[in-house]
Amino acid sequence: PQTQRVLRSYALPPGSGEAHSIAIDATGVVWISEMRNDTLLRLDPAAPDAMQTIRLPFANTGVRPVISDGSRIWYGGTRSGRFGFVQ
């Protein structure tokens, strides 16, 4: 933040849509919510070429917030009125 330089950037997988929120879990894995696709992206910085797409169990979730509590990643669906977690 002090130098305001981008140190590294990662391309989202083809077909990704509307990345919204980012959280980092206790192991340093980065989680990104994708509102349009009802998915979460999982990026392990140690293996950045192996980004995973995790499909949520409900269609039209509209997932926005994603939060880590240290052992789980919680997500909220703005369209479905549901929330859940990935472990």
Protein backbone atom coordinates (compact mmCIF):
# COMPACT_ATOMS: atom_id res chain seq x y z
CA PRO A 1 0.00 0.00 0.00
CA GLN A 2 2.85 2.43 0.65
CA THR A 3 4.32 2.15 -2.85
CA GLN A 4 0.95 1.68 -4.58
CA ARG A 5 2.44 -0.83 -7.02
CA VAL A 6 0.78 -3.96 -8.33
CA LEU A 7 3.10 -6.80 -7.38
CA ARG A 8 1.17 -9.60 -9.06
CA SER A 9 -2.16 -10.05 -10.76
CA TYR A 10 -4.07 -13.19 -11.69
CA ALA A 11 -6.41 -13.77 -14.60
CA LEU A 12 -9.83 -15.11 -13.68
CA PRO A 13 -10.90 -18.33 -15.40
CA PRO A 14 -12.69 -18.06 -18.76
CA GLY A 15 -16.40 -17.44 -18.25
CA SER A 16 -15.96 -15.85 -14.84
CA GLY A 17 -18.54 -13.30 -13.98
CA GLU A 18 -18.85 -10.32 -11.70
CA ALA A 19 -16.15 -10.98 -9.14
CA HIS A 20 -17.35 -9.21 -6.01
CA SER A 21 -15.64 -9.97 -2.69
CA ILE A 22 -12.30 -11.39 -1.60
CA ALA A 23 -11.36 -13.15 1.63
CA ILE A 24 -8.17 -14.88 2.75
CA ASP A 25 -8.42 -17.95 4.96
CA ALA A 26 -6.08 -19.01 7.78
CA THR A 27 -3.83 -20.92 5.35
CA GLY A 28 -3.39 -17.94 2.99
CA VAL A 29 -5.77 -19.25 0.32
CA VAL A 30 -7.65 -16.47 -1.48
CA TRP A 31 -11.42 -16.82 -2.03
CA ILE A 32 -13.37 -14.71 -4.52
CA SER A 33 -17.15 -14.58 -4.85
CA GLU A 34 -18.69 -14.45 -8.32
CA MET A 35 -22.16 -12.99 -8.26
CA ARG A 36 -23.36 -13.84 -11.78
CA ASN A 37 -22.12 -17.45 -11.87
CA ASP A 38 -23.09 -18.54 -8.34
CA THR A 39 -19.53 -19.67 -7.74
CA LEU A 40 -16.56 -19.14 -5.47
CA LEU A 41 -13.04 -19.11 -6.84
CA ARG A 42 -10.24 -20.61 -4.76
CA LEU A 43 -6.67 -19.46 -5.40
CA ASP A 44 -3.74 -20.95 -3.55
CA PRO A 45 -0.87 -18.46 -4.06
CA ALA A 46 1.56 -21.40 -3.87
CA ALA A 47 -0.11 -22.90 -6.99
CA PRO A 48 -1.65 -19.92 -8.82
CA ASP A 49 -2.11 -21.85 -12.07
CA ALA A 50 -4.53 -24.23 -10.35
CA MET A 51 -7.39 -21.83 -9.55
CA GLN A 52 -10.51 -23.82 -8.62
CA THR A 53 -14.14 -22.93 -9.31
CA ILE A 54 -16.61 -24.09 -6.67
CA ARG A 55 -20.25 -24.07 -7.73
CA LEU A 56 -22.72 -23.18 -4.99
CA PRO A 57 -25.63 -25.58 -4.42
CA PHE A 58 -28.38 -23.14 -5.39
CA ALA A 59 -29.04 -21.35 -8.67
CA ASN A 60 -29.52 -17.58 -8.76
CA THR A 61 -27.75 -17.13 -5.42
CA GLY A 62 -26.22 -13.77 -6.28
CA VAL A 63 -23.30 -14.44 -3.96
CA ARG A 64 -21.64 -11.23 -2.78
CA PRO A 65 -20.03 -11.22 0.63
CA VAL A 66 -17.41 -13.85 1.41
CA ILE A 67 -15.81 -13.96 4.87
CA SER A 68 -13.28 -16.26 6.53
CA ASP A 69 -13.66 -17.26 10.17
CA GLY A 70 -10.38 -19.19 10.20
CA SER A 71 -11.81 -22.61 9.41
CA ARG A 72 -14.66 -21.88 7.00
CA ILE A 73 -15.48 -19.51 4.18
CA TRP A 74 -18.95 -18.02 4.62
CA TYR A 75 -20.95 -16.58 1.73
CA GLY A 76 -24.21 -14.68 1.46
CA GLY A 77 -26.67 -14.76 -1.41
CA THR A 78 -28.35 -11.46 -2.14
CA ARG A 79 -30.90 -12.91 -4.57
CA SER A 80 -31.62 -16.27 -2.94
CA GLY A 81 -31.93 -15.14 0.65
CA ARG A 82 -29.56 -17.96 1.62
CA PHE A 83 -26.12 -18.09 3.18
CA GLY A 84 -23.73 -20.96 3.72
CA PHE A 85 -20.13 -21.98 4.09
CA VAL A 86 -17.36 -23.93 2.40
CA GLN A 87 -15.03 -25.94 4.58
